[in-house]
Amino acid sequence: MHEERAVAAKETVPVERVRLGTQTVQEEQSVSAEVREEHIDVDADEATRTGRDRDAR
């Protein structure tokens, strides 16, 4: 006896190709601007509550 069966399959094929190149550039530039300073105050209670105090040890 013989039987006919439909067989379907998926095949992955590339539909486009992309080339990626890199170029290294080195440059020096003088910048004149006002420099700002930033300070961050952290409460010890907050650091302990989030576990930051524990990770620092």
C-alpha atoms as a PDB file:
ATOM      1  CA  MET A   1       0.000   0.000   0.000  1.00  0.00           C
ATOM      2  CA  HIS A   2       1.079   3.563  -0.675  1.00  0.00           C
ATOM      3  CA  GLU A   3      -0.058   6.833   0.797  1.00  0.00           C
ATOM      4  CA  GLU A   4       0.541  10.416  -0.320  1.00  0.00           C
ATOM      5  CA  ARG A   5       1.453  12.984   2.328  1.00  0.00           C
ATOM      6  CA  ALA A   6       2.023  16.727   1.986  1.00  0.00           C
ATOM      7  CA  VAL A   7       5.380  17.809   3.384  1.00  0.00           C
ATOM      8  CA  ALA A   8       5.999  21.480   4.195  1.00  0.00           C
ATOM      9  CA  ALA A   9       9.238  22.933   5.538  1.00  0.00           C
ATOM     10  CA  LYS A  10      10.699  26.330   6.319  1.00  0.00           C
ATOM     11  CA  GLU A  11      14.121  27.358   5.159  1.00  0.00           C
ATOM     12  CA  THR A  12      16.015  30.446   6.335  1.00  0.00           C
ATOM     13  CA  VAL A  13      17.821  32.239   3.527  1.00  0.00           C
ATOM     14  CA  PRO A  14      19.589  35.615   3.572  1.00  0.00           C
ATOM     15  CA  VAL A  15      17.682  38.299   1.701  1.00  0.00           C
ATOM     16  CA  GLU A  16      20.273  41.058   1.960  1.00  0.00           C
ATOM     17  CA  ARG A  17      23.860  41.553   2.984  1.00  0.00           C
ATOM     18  CA  VAL A  18      25.219  44.361   5.101  1.00  0.00           C
ATOM     19  CA  ARG A  19      28.842  45.394   5.410  1.00  0.00           C
ATOM     20  CA  LEU A  20      30.070  47.247   8.440  1.00  0.00           C
ATOM     21  CA  GLY A  21      33.401  49.000   8.597  1.00  0.00           C
ATOM     22  CA  THR A  22      35.074  51.014  11.307  1.00  0.00           C
ATOM     23  CA  GLN A  23      37.457  53.892  11.016  1.00  0.00           C
ATOM     24  CA  THR A  24      39.652  55.121  13.868  1.00  0.00           C
ATOM     25  CA  VAL A  25      40.007  58.881  14.135  1.00  0.00           C
ATOM     26  CA  GLN A  26      42.221  60.704  16.596  1.00  0.00           C
ATOM     27  CA  GLU A  27      41.785  64.418  17.124  1.00  0.00           C
ATOM     28  CA  GLU A  28      42.854  67.090  19.594  1.00  0.00           C
ATOM     29  CA  GLN A  29      40.635  70.074  20.215  1.00  0.00           C
ATOM     30  CA  SER A  30      40.829  72.953  22.684  1.00  0.00           C
ATOM     31  CA  VAL A  31      37.630  73.798  24.486  1.00  0.00           C
ATOM     32  CA  SER A  32      37.114  76.879  26.588  1.00  0.00           C
ATOM     33  CA  ALA A  33      34.131  76.700  28.877  1.00  0.00           C
ATOM     34  CA  GLU A  34      33.230  77.199  32.494  1.00  0.00           C
ATOM     35  CA  VAL A  35      33.806  74.077  34.581  1.00  0.00           C
ATOM     36  CA  ARG A  36      31.101  73.200  37.076  1.00  0.00           C
ATOM     37  CA  GLU A  37      31.411  71.124  40.193  1.00  0.00           C
ATOM     38  CA  GLU A  38      28.721  68.796  41.480  1.00  0.00           C
ATOM     39  CA  HIS A  39      28.388  67.338  44.978  1.00  0.00           C
ATOM     40  CA  ILE A  40      26.056  64.524  45.984  1.00  0.00           C
ATOM     41  CA  ASP A  41      24.966  64.058  49.580  1.00  0.00           C
ATOM     42  CA  VAL A  42      23.769  60.572  50.566  1.00  0.00           C
ATOM     43  CA  ASP A  43      21.871  59.868  53.760  1.00  0.00           C
ATOM     44  CA  ALA A  44      23.316  56.871  55.634  1.00  0.00           C
ATOM     45  CA  ASP A  45      19.804  55.554  56.360  1.00  0.00           C
ATOM     46  CA  GLU A  46      18.924  55.516  52.651  1.00  0.00           C
ATOM     47  CA  ALA A  47      22.159  53.724  51.682  1.00  0.00           C
ATOM     48  CA  THR A  48      21.564  51.006  54.285  1.00  0.00           C
ATOM     49  CA  ARG A  49      17.948  50.542  53.267  1.00  0.00           C
ATOM     50  CA  THR A  50      18.828  49.953  49.582  1.00  0.00           C
ATOM     51  CA  GLY A  51      21.767  47.639  50.366  1.00  0.00           C
ATOM     52  CA  ARG A  52      24.446  49.968  49.025  1.00  0.00           C
ATOM     53  CA  ASP A  53      26.235  50.055  52.383  1.00  0.00           C
ATOM     54  CA  ARG A  54      26.459  46.241  52.356  1.00  0.00           C
ATOM     55  CA  ASP A  55      27.909  46.103  48.791  1.00  0.00           C
ATOM     56  CA  ALA A  56      30.680  48.578  49.611  1.00  0.00           C
ATOM     57  CA  ARG A  57      32.326  46.228  52.152  1.00  0.00           C
END
